[in-house]
Amino acid sequence: MVVGVDQVTPMHFHRNKVEDIINRGGGKLVIQLYNATIDSAVTVSIDGVKRVVKAADQVLPSSGESITLPPRLYHRFGGAQERVLVGKVSLMNDDQSDNRFYESVGRFPEIEENEPPLHLLATDYARTSTRSNEPEPPRALELGRQCGIFQPCNSPPDRH
């Protein structure tokens, strides 16, 4: 993901998911950490090396470094100085039950829909289905079509 300057994820933890956050380059990646249950020192792994930091301290992984966040570790991160490219590798999780936000936030900001969606989230199928229990496939999927890299799928491919 690309994280803009002063763009910050909400403070949250995951009940079960372990994740690695990787600074892939660009600006500074700033990560703030707290234990979920007690206000004490936090133990994390940076590039496989255990490190202990004070609660609320900021960790700044250098370009190429990764930090492993265990379950139940509050964290928020953002970019400083310039945009930063961030990689995330994690176990699977259920966003509905695994995420715990420090302050209440919605899954997505409120959006005033003025067009039908092109791509649906898994939780959107039941809401948009025209049949009782069978979801409609996304309109944008055109399986089996061969489209050029800069050629829209709605035009026939060039045959040279």
N, C-alpha and C. Protein backbone atom coordinates (compact mmCIF):
# COMPACT_ATOMS: atom_id res chain seq x y z
N MET A 1 0.84 -1.16 0.00
CA MET A 1 0.00 0.00 0.00
C MET A 1 0.89 1.24 0.00
N VAL A 2 0.37 2.32 -0.52
CA VAL A 2 1.09 3.59 -0.50
C VAL A 2 0.50 4.43 0.62
N VAL A 3 1.34 4.88 1.53
CA VAL A 3 0.90 5.68 2.67
C VAL A 3 1.40 7.09 2.47
N GLY A 4 0.47 8.04 2.42
CA GLY A 4 0.82 9.43 2.20
C GLY A 4 1.37 10.09 3.46
N VAL A 5 1.95 11.26 3.26
CA VAL A 5 2.46 12.04 4.39
C VAL A 5 1.29 12.38 5.32
N ASP A 6 1.47 12.13 6.59
CA ASP A 6 0.46 12.37 7.63
C ASP A 6 -0.79 11.51 7.48
N GLN A 7 -0.77 10.51 6.62
CA GLN A 7 -1.87 9.56 6.52
C GLN A 7 -1.60 8.48 7.56
N VAL A 8 -2.55 8.24 8.46
CA VAL A 8 -2.33 7.33 9.58
C VAL A 8 -3.47 6.33 9.67
N THR A 9 -3.12 5.06 9.88
CA THR A 9 -4.16 4.06 10.12
C THR A 9 -4.70 4.24 11.53
N PRO A 10 -5.95 3.90 11.78
CA PRO A 10 -6.48 4.00 13.14
C PRO A 10 -5.76 3.02 14.07
N MET A 11 -5.66 3.37 15.33
CA MET A 11 -5.06 2.50 16.34
C MET A 11 -5.92 1.24 16.47
N HIS A 12 -5.30 0.06 16.30
CA HIS A 12 -6.06 -1.18 16.34
C HIS A 12 -5.14 -2.36 16.67
N PHE A 13 -5.75 -3.48 17.02
CA PHE A 13 -5.01 -4.73 17.11
C PHE A 13 -5.84 -5.82 16.48
N HIS A 14 -5.22 -6.98 16.32
CA HIS A 14 -5.90 -8.15 15.77
C HIS A 14 -5.92 -9.22 16.84
N ARG A 15 -7.06 -9.82 17.04
CA ARG A 15 -7.20 -10.82 18.09
C ARG A 15 -6.38 -12.08 17.79
N ASN A 16 -6.28 -12.45 16.50
CA ASN A 16 -5.60 -13.69 16.14
C ASN A 16 -4.50 -13.51 15.11
N LYS A 17 -4.60 -12.50 14.28
CA LYS A 17 -3.70 -12.36 13.15
C LYS A 17 -2.32 -11.85 13.56
N VAL A 18 -1.30 -12.46 13.00
CA VAL A 18 0.09 -11.98 13.08
C VAL A 18 0.36 -11.31 11.75
N GLU A 19 1.02 -10.15 11.77
CA GLU A 19 1.34 -9.49 10.51
C GLU A 19 2.73 -8.89 10.53
N ASP A 20 3.33 -8.90 9.37
CA ASP A 20 4.60 -8.21 9.15
C ASP A 20 4.31 -6.95 8.34
N ILE A 21 4.85 -5.84 8.78
CA ILE A 21 4.74 -4.58 8.05
C ILE A 21 6.15 -4.26 7.57
N ILE A 22 6.27 -4.01 6.27
CA ILE A 22 7.58 -3.85 5.64
C ILE A 22 7.69 -2.48 5.01
N ASN A 23 8.75 -1.76 5.35
CA ASN A 23 9.03 -0.48 4.70
C ASN A 23 9.72 -0.79 3.38
N ARG A 24 9.00 -0.59 2.28
CA ARG A 24 9.54 -0.89 0.96
C ARG A 24 10.28 0.29 0.34
N GLY A 25 10.21 1.46 0.98
CA GLY A 25 10.96 2.60 0.48
C GLY A 25 10.12 3.86 0.39
N GLY A 26 10.79 4.97 0.16
CA GLY A 26 10.13 6.26 0.09
C GLY A 26 10.42 7.05 1.35
N GLY A 27 9.37 7.61 1.96
CA GLY A 27 9.52 8.40 3.17
C GLY A 27 9.74 7.54 4.39
N LYS A 28 9.56 8.15 5.56
CA LYS A 28 9.70 7.41 6.82
C LYS A 28 8.40 6.73 7.17
N LEU A 29 8.50 5.49 7.61
CA LEU A 29 7.37 4.75 8.15
C LEU A 29 7.44 4.86 9.66
N VAL A 30 6.38 5.38 10.26
CA VAL A 30 6.34 5.59 11.71
C VAL A 30 5.27 4.67 12.28
N ILE A 31 5.66 3.81 13.23
CA ILE A 31 4.73 2.86 13.84
C ILE A 31 4.70 3.10 15.35
N GLN A 32 3.49 3.26 15.90
CA GLN A 32 3.34 3.44 17.34
C GLN A 32 2.72 2.17 17.92
N LEU A 33 3.22 1.72 19.08
CA LEU A 33 2.84 0.42 19.64
C LEU A 33 2.39 0.51 21.10
N TYR A 34 1.40 -0.29 21.45
CA TYR A 34 0.93 -0.46 22.82
C TYR A 34 0.52 -1.92 23.01
N ASN A 35 0.72 -2.47 24.20
CA ASN A 35 0.12 -3.76 24.53
C ASN A 35 -1.37 -3.57 24.72
N ALA A 36 -2.16 -4.58 24.41
CA ALA A 36 -3.62 -4.45 24.50
C ALA A 36 -4.13 -4.47 25.94
N THR A 37 -3.44 -5.17 26.83
CA THR A 37 -4.00 -5.35 28.17
C THR A 37 -3.30 -4.56 29.27
N ILE A 38 -2.02 -4.30 29.12
CA ILE A 38 -1.30 -3.58 30.17
C ILE A 38 -0.43 -2.50 29.54
N ASP A 39 -0.24 -1.43 30.29
CA ASP A 39 0.58 -0.32 29.80
C ASP A 39 2.03 -0.57 30.21
N SER A 40 2.69 -1.42 29.45
CA SER A 40 4.05 -1.79 29.78
C SER A 40 4.88 -1.87 28.50
N ALA A 41 6.15 -2.21 28.66
CA ALA A 41 7.04 -2.32 27.52
C ALA A 41 6.50 -3.32 26.50
N VAL A 42 6.81 -3.05 25.25
CA VAL A 42 6.32 -3.84 24.12
C VAL A 42 7.50 -4.59 23.51
N THR A 43 7.30 -5.88 23.26
CA THR A 43 8.33 -6.67 22.59
C THR A 43 7.87 -6.96 21.17
N VAL A 44 8.71 -6.58 20.20
CA VAL A 44 8.45 -6.84 18.79
C VAL A 44 9.70 -7.43 18.16
N SER A 45 9.53 -7.90 16.95
CA SER A 45 10.66 -8.44 16.20
C SER A 45 10.86 -7.58 14.96
N ILE A 46 12.07 -7.03 14.82
CA ILE A 46 12.41 -6.24 13.64
C ILE A 46 13.48 -7.01 12.88
N ASP A 47 13.11 -7.43 11.67
CA ASP A 47 13.97 -8.29 10.85
C ASP A 47 14.47 -9.51 11.64
N GLY A 48 13.58 -10.09 12.46
CA GLY A 48 13.90 -11.30 13.19
C GLY A 48 14.63 -11.08 14.50
N VAL A 49 14.94 -9.84 14.84
CA VAL A 49 15.66 -9.54 16.09
C VAL A 49 14.67 -8.94 17.09
N LYS A 50 14.55 -9.60 18.26
CA LYS A 50 13.64 -9.10 19.30
C LYS A 50 14.12 -7.74 19.79
N ARG A 51 13.14 -6.87 20.00
CA ARG A 51 13.44 -5.51 20.48
C ARG A 51 12.36 -5.10 21.46
N VAL A 52 12.74 -4.47 22.55
CA VAL A 52 11.78 -4.01 23.55
C VAL A 52 11.73 -2.48 23.48
N VAL A 53 10.50 -1.95 23.37
CA VAL A 53 10.30 -0.50 23.33
C VAL A 53 9.26 -0.14 24.37
N LYS A 54 9.31 1.10 24.84
CA LYS A 54 8.32 1.58 25.79
C LYS A 54 6.97 1.71 25.11
N ALA A 55 5.90 1.50 25.88
CA ALA A 55 4.56 1.70 25.35
C ALA A 55 4.46 3.12 24.80
N ALA A 56 3.83 3.27 23.67
CA ALA A 56 3.60 4.54 22.97
C ALA A 56 4.83 5.03 22.20
N ASP A 57 5.97 4.34 22.34
CA ASP A 57 7.13 4.74 21.55
C ASP A 57 6.85 4.52 20.07
N GLN A 58 7.59 5.27 19.27
CA GLN A 58 7.48 5.13 17.82
C GLN A 58 8.69 4.35 17.31
N VAL A 59 8.40 3.40 16.44
CA VAL A 59 9.43 2.61 15.79
C VAL A 59 9.48 3.07 14.35
N LEU A 60 10.69 3.26 13.82
CA LEU A 60 10.86 3.73 12.44
C LEU A 60 11.69 2.72 11.64
N PRO A 61 11.03 1.70 11.10
CA PRO A 61 11.79 0.72 10.31
C PRO A 61 12.40 1.41 9.09
N SER A 62 13.67 1.16 8.85
CA SER A 62 14.36 1.72 7.68
C SER A 62 13.86 1.04 6.42
N SER A 63 14.16 1.64 5.29
CA SER A 63 13.79 1.05 4.01
C SER A 63 14.32 -0.38 3.93
N GLY A 64 13.43 -1.31 3.64
CA GLY A 64 13.80 -2.73 3.56
C GLY A 64 13.57 -3.50 4.84
N GLU A 65 13.41 -2.83 5.97
CA GLU A 65 13.19 -3.52 7.24
C GLU A 65 11.73 -3.88 7.42
N SER A 66 11.51 -4.94 8.22
CA SER A 66 10.14 -5.35 8.54
C SER A 66 9.99 -5.48 10.05
N ILE A 67 8.76 -5.32 10.50
CA ILE A 67 8.44 -5.49 11.91
C ILE A 67 7.31 -6.50 12.00
N THR A 68 7.44 -7.47 12.89
CA THR A 68 6.41 -8.48 13.09
C THR A 68 5.56 -8.07 14.28
N LEU A 69 4.25 -7.98 14.03
CA LEU A 69 3.31 -7.58 15.08
C LEU A 69 2.49 -8.80 15.50
N PRO A 70 2.66 -9.24 16.75
CA PRO A 70 1.89 -10.40 17.23
C PRO A 70 0.44 -9.99 17.50
N PRO A 71 -0.44 -10.97 17.70
CA PRO A 71 -1.82 -10.64 18.07
C PRO A 71 -1.87 -9.81 19.34
N ARG A 72 -2.93 -9.02 19.45
CA ARG A 72 -3.23 -8.22 20.64
C ARG A 72 -2.20 -7.13 20.93
N LEU A 73 -1.54 -6.66 19.89
CA LEU A 73 -0.60 -5.54 20.03
C LEU A 73 -1.19 -4.35 19.28
N TYR A 74 -1.63 -3.33 20.05
CA TYR A 74 -2.17 -2.14 19.41
C TYR A 74 -1.09 -1.49 18.56
N HIS A 75 -1.47 -1.04 17.37
CA HIS A 75 -0.52 -0.38 16.49
C HIS A 75 -1.26 0.59 15.56
N ARG A 76 -0.55 1.61 15.20
CA ARG A 76 -0.98 2.50 14.12
C ARG A 76 0.29 2.93 13.41
N PHE A 77 0.16 3.19 12.14
CA PHE A 77 1.35 3.60 11.39
C PHE A 77 0.96 4.61 10.33
N GLY A 78 1.96 5.37 9.94
CA GLY A 78 1.74 6.40 8.94
C GLY A 78 3.04 6.80 8.28
N GLY A 79 2.92 7.69 7.31
CA GLY A 79 4.08 8.16 6.56
C GLY A 79 4.51 9.53 7.03
N ALA A 80 5.81 9.79 6.94
CA ALA A 80 6.36 11.09 7.30
C ALA A 80 7.36 11.51 6.22
N GLN A 81 7.46 12.78 5.99
CA GLN A 81 8.39 13.42 5.04
C GLN A 81 7.95 13.26 3.59
N GLU A 82 7.67 12.04 3.15
CA GLU A 82 7.15 11.81 1.80
C GLU A 82 6.42 10.47 1.80
N ARG A 83 5.70 10.20 0.71
CA ARG A 83 4.97 8.93 0.63
C ARG A 83 5.92 7.75 0.84
N VAL A 84 5.36 6.71 1.46
CA VAL A 84 6.16 5.51 1.72
C VAL A 84 5.39 4.29 1.19
N LEU A 85 6.12 3.39 0.56
CA LEU A 85 5.52 2.15 0.07
C LEU A 85 5.62 1.11 1.18
N VAL A 86 4.48 0.57 1.58
CA VAL A 86 4.41 -0.36 2.70
C VAL A 86 3.90 -1.71 2.20
N GLY A 87 4.61 -2.76 2.56
CA GLY A 87 4.16 -4.11 2.28
C GLY A 87 3.61 -4.72 3.55
N LYS A 88 2.61 -5.56 3.42
CA LYS A 88 2.05 -6.27 4.57
C LYS A 88 1.93 -7.73 4.21
N VAL A 89 2.43 -8.58 5.10
CA VAL A 89 2.28 -10.02 4.96
C VAL A 89 1.65 -10.49 6.26
N SER A 90 0.57 -11.27 6.15
CA SER A 90 -0.10 -11.66 7.39
C SER A 90 -0.83 -12.97 7.22
N LEU A 91 -1.24 -13.49 8.36
CA LEU A 91 -2.16 -14.61 8.36
C LEU A 91 -3.51 -14.09 7.89
N MET A 92 -4.36 -15.00 7.44
CA MET A 92 -5.72 -14.59 7.07
C MET A 92 -6.46 -14.17 8.33
N ASN A 93 -7.44 -13.28 8.13
CA ASN A 93 -8.28 -12.93 9.26
C ASN A 93 -9.66 -12.55 8.76
N ASP A 94 -10.59 -12.55 9.68
CA ASP A 94 -11.96 -12.13 9.40
C ASP A 94 -12.08 -10.71 9.92
N ASP A 95 -12.22 -9.75 9.02
CA ASP A 95 -12.30 -8.35 9.43
C ASP A 95 -13.44 -8.08 10.40
N GLN A 96 -14.49 -8.87 10.32
CA GLN A 96 -15.65 -8.64 11.19
C GLN A 96 -15.38 -9.01 12.65
N SER A 97 -14.52 -10.02 12.87
CA SER A 97 -14.33 -10.49 14.25
C SER A 97 -12.90 -10.35 14.78
N ASP A 98 -11.91 -10.18 13.91
CA ASP A 98 -10.52 -10.18 14.36
C ASP A 98 -9.98 -8.79 14.70
N ASN A 99 -10.51 -7.77 14.10
CA ASN A 99 -10.00 -6.41 14.32
C ASN A 99 -10.64 -5.76 15.53
N ARG A 100 -9.82 -5.10 16.32
CA ARG A 100 -10.31 -4.34 17.49
C ARG A 100 -9.72 -2.95 17.39
N PHE A 101 -10.58 -1.95 17.17
CA PHE A 101 -10.14 -0.57 17.05
C PHE A 101 -10.24 0.13 18.39
N TYR A 102 -9.25 0.93 18.71
CA TYR A 102 -9.24 1.66 19.98
C TYR A 102 -10.40 2.63 20.05
N GLU A 103 -10.62 3.36 18.97
CA GLU A 103 -11.78 4.24 18.86
C GLU A 103 -12.69 3.67 17.79
N SER A 104 -13.97 3.81 17.96
CA SER A 104 -14.91 3.24 17.02
C SER A 104 -14.75 3.88 15.63
N VAL A 105 -14.58 3.01 14.64
CA VAL A 105 -14.50 3.47 13.25
C VAL A 105 -15.32 2.51 12.41
N GLY A 106 -15.85 3.00 11.32
CA GLY A 106 -16.59 2.14 10.39
C GLY A 106 -15.62 1.36 9.53
N ARG A 107 -16.12 0.32 8.90
CA ARG A 107 -15.28 -0.49 8.01
C ARG A 107 -14.78 0.36 6.85
N PHE A 108 -15.66 1.19 6.32
CA PHE A 108 -15.30 2.12 5.25
C PHE A 108 -15.99 3.44 5.55
N PRO A 109 -15.45 4.55 5.05
CA PRO A 109 -16.15 5.82 5.24
C PRO A 109 -17.49 5.77 4.51
N GLU A 110 -18.43 6.60 4.98
CA GLU A 110 -19.72 6.66 4.33
C GLU A 110 -19.55 7.15 2.91
N ILE A 111 -20.18 6.47 1.98
CA ILE A 111 -20.10 6.83 0.57
C ILE A 111 -21.51 6.99 0.04
N GLU A 112 -21.74 8.09 -0.63
CA GLU A 112 -23.03 8.28 -1.29
C GLU A 112 -22.93 7.60 -2.65
N GLU A 113 -23.60 6.48 -2.78
CA GLU A 113 -23.50 5.70 -4.01
C GLU A 113 -24.31 6.39 -5.10
N ASN A 114 -23.66 6.65 -6.24
CA ASN A 114 -24.38 7.22 -7.37
C ASN A 114 -24.25 6.35 -8.62
N GLU A 115 -23.56 5.22 -8.49
CA GLU A 115 -23.42 4.24 -9.56
C GLU A 115 -23.38 2.85 -8.96
N PRO A 116 -23.81 1.85 -9.71
CA PRO A 116 -23.68 0.48 -9.18
C PRO A 116 -22.19 0.11 -9.09
N PRO A 117 -21.83 -0.73 -8.12
CA PRO A 117 -20.42 -1.10 -7.97
C PRO A 117 -19.92 -1.96 -9.12
N LEU A 118 -18.66 -1.76 -9.49
CA LEU A 118 -18.02 -2.62 -10.49
C LEU A 118 -17.45 -3.87 -9.85
N HIS A 119 -16.92 -3.74 -8.63
CA HIS A 119 -16.30 -4.84 -7.91
C HIS A 119 -16.91 -4.90 -6.52
N LEU A 120 -17.35 -6.07 -6.13
CA LEU A 120 -18.00 -6.24 -4.84
C LEU A 120 -17.05 -6.85 -3.82
N LEU A 121 -17.24 -6.48 -2.57
CA LEU A 121 -16.59 -7.16 -1.46
C LEU A 121 -17.44 -8.38 -1.12
N ALA A 122 -16.85 -9.33 -0.44
CA ALA A 122 -17.59 -10.55 -0.09
C ALA A 122 -18.86 -10.22 0.67
N THR A 123 -18.81 -9.23 1.55
CA THR A 123 -19.98 -8.88 2.36
C THR A 123 -21.04 -8.12 1.56
N ASP A 124 -20.72 -7.67 0.34
CA ASP A 124 -21.67 -6.93 -0.49
C ASP A 124 -22.60 -7.83 -1.28
N TYR A 125 -22.25 -9.09 -1.50
CA TYR A 125 -23.04 -9.94 -2.37
C TYR A 125 -24.47 -10.12 -1.87
N ALA A 126 -24.65 -10.37 -0.60
CA ALA A 126 -26.01 -10.57 -0.08
C ALA A 126 -26.85 -9.31 -0.24
N ARG A 127 -26.22 -8.16 -0.10
CA ARG A 127 -26.93 -6.89 -0.18
C ARG A 127 -27.34 -6.55 -1.61
N THR A 128 -26.59 -7.00 -2.60
CA THR A 128 -26.85 -6.61 -3.99
C THR A 128 -27.46 -7.72 -4.84
N SER A 129 -27.66 -8.89 -4.26
CA SER A 129 -28.16 -10.02 -5.04
C SER A 129 -29.60 -9.79 -5.46
N THR A 130 -29.92 -10.18 -6.71
CA THR A 130 -31.30 -10.08 -7.19
C THR A 130 -32.03 -11.39 -6.97
N ARG A 131 -31.32 -12.47 -6.75
CA ARG A 131 -31.93 -13.76 -6.44
C ARG A 131 -31.87 -13.97 -4.95
N SER A 132 -32.64 -14.90 -4.46
CA SER A 132 -32.74 -15.08 -3.02
C SER A 132 -31.40 -15.40 -2.36
N ASN A 133 -30.71 -16.45 -2.77
CA ASN A 133 -29.46 -16.81 -2.11
C ASN A 133 -28.27 -16.88 -3.07
N GLU A 134 -28.46 -16.48 -4.30
CA GLU A 134 -27.39 -16.62 -5.28
C GLU A 134 -26.89 -15.24 -5.70
N PRO A 135 -25.62 -14.93 -5.41
CA PRO A 135 -25.11 -13.60 -5.76
C PRO A 135 -24.88 -13.45 -7.26
N GLU A 136 -25.01 -12.24 -7.74
CA GLU A 136 -24.68 -11.94 -9.13
C GLU A 136 -23.17 -11.85 -9.25
N PRO A 137 -22.59 -12.36 -10.33
CA PRO A 137 -21.14 -12.19 -10.51
C PRO A 137 -20.82 -10.73 -10.81
N PRO A 138 -19.64 -10.27 -10.44
CA PRO A 138 -19.26 -8.88 -10.73
C PRO A 138 -19.30 -8.61 -12.23
N ARG A 139 -19.84 -7.45 -12.64
CA ARG A 139 -19.94 -7.09 -14.05
C ARG A 139 -18.58 -7.02 -14.72
N ALA A 140 -17.56 -6.62 -13.99
CA ALA A 140 -16.26 -6.36 -14.60
C ALA A 140 -15.52 -7.64 -14.99
N LEU A 141 -15.95 -8.79 -14.48
CA LEU A 141 -15.25 -10.03 -14.81
C LEU A 141 -15.66 -10.50 -16.20
N GLU A 142 -14.73 -10.61 -17.06
CA GLU A 142 -14.97 -11.15 -18.39
C GLU A 142 -13.98 -12.28 -18.59
N LEU A 143 -14.29 -13.41 -18.00
CA LEU A 143 -13.36 -14.53 -18.03
C LEU A 143 -13.21 -15.06 -19.44
N GLY A 144 -12.00 -15.44 -19.78
CA GLY A 144 -11.74 -16.01 -21.08
C GLY A 144 -11.40 -14.99 -22.15
N ARG A 145 -11.59 -13.71 -21.90
CA ARG A 145 -11.26 -12.69 -22.89
C ARG A 145 -9.78 -12.40 -22.85
N GLN A 146 -9.17 -12.19 -23.99
CA GLN A 146 -7.77 -11.81 -24.08
C GLN A 146 -7.72 -10.31 -24.37
N CYS A 147 -7.26 -9.52 -23.45
CA CYS A 147 -7.19 -8.08 -23.63
C CYS A 147 -5.73 -7.64 -23.58
N GLY A 148 -5.36 -6.73 -24.46
CA GLY A 148 -4.01 -6.18 -24.43
C GLY A 148 -3.82 -5.34 -23.19
N ILE A 149 -2.56 -5.07 -22.86
CA ILE A 149 -2.28 -4.38 -21.62
C ILE A 149 -2.89 -2.98 -21.58
N PHE A 150 -2.95 -2.31 -22.75
CA PHE A 150 -3.54 -0.98 -22.79
C PHE A 150 -4.83 -0.95 -23.59
N GLN A 151 -5.37 -2.11 -23.89
CA GLN A 151 -6.57 -2.20 -24.71
C GLN A 151 -7.74 -2.58 -23.83
N PRO A 152 -8.81 -1.79 -23.84
CA PRO A 152 -9.96 -2.15 -23.01
C PRO A 152 -10.58 -3.47 -23.47
N CYS A 153 -11.18 -4.19 -22.55
CA CYS A 153 -11.76 -5.49 -22.88
C CYS A 153 -13.00 -5.37 -23.75
N ASN A 154 -13.59 -4.19 -23.85
CA ASN A 154 -14.80 -4.06 -24.65
C ASN A 154 -14.53 -3.86 -26.13
N SER A 155 -13.24 -3.83 -26.54
CA SER A 155 -12.92 -3.75 -27.96
C SER A 155 -12.19 -5.02 -28.36
N PRO A 156 -12.36 -5.45 -29.61
CA PRO A 156 -11.70 -6.70 -30.02
C PRO A 156 -10.18 -6.56 -30.01
N PRO A 157 -9.47 -7.62 -29.69
CA PRO A 157 -8.00 -7.55 -29.67
C PRO A 157 -7.45 -7.41 -31.09
N ASP A 158 -6.33 -6.73 -31.20
CA ASP A 158 -5.65 -6.61 -32.49
C ASP A 158 -5.10 -7.96 -32.89
N ARG A 159 -5.21 -8.29 -34.16
CA ARG A 159 -4.66 -9.55 -34.66
C ARG A 159 -3.61 -9.21 -35.71
N HIS A 160 -2.36 -9.19 -35.34
CA HIS A 160 -1.26 -8.87 -36.28
C HIS A 160 -0.55 -10.12 -36.70
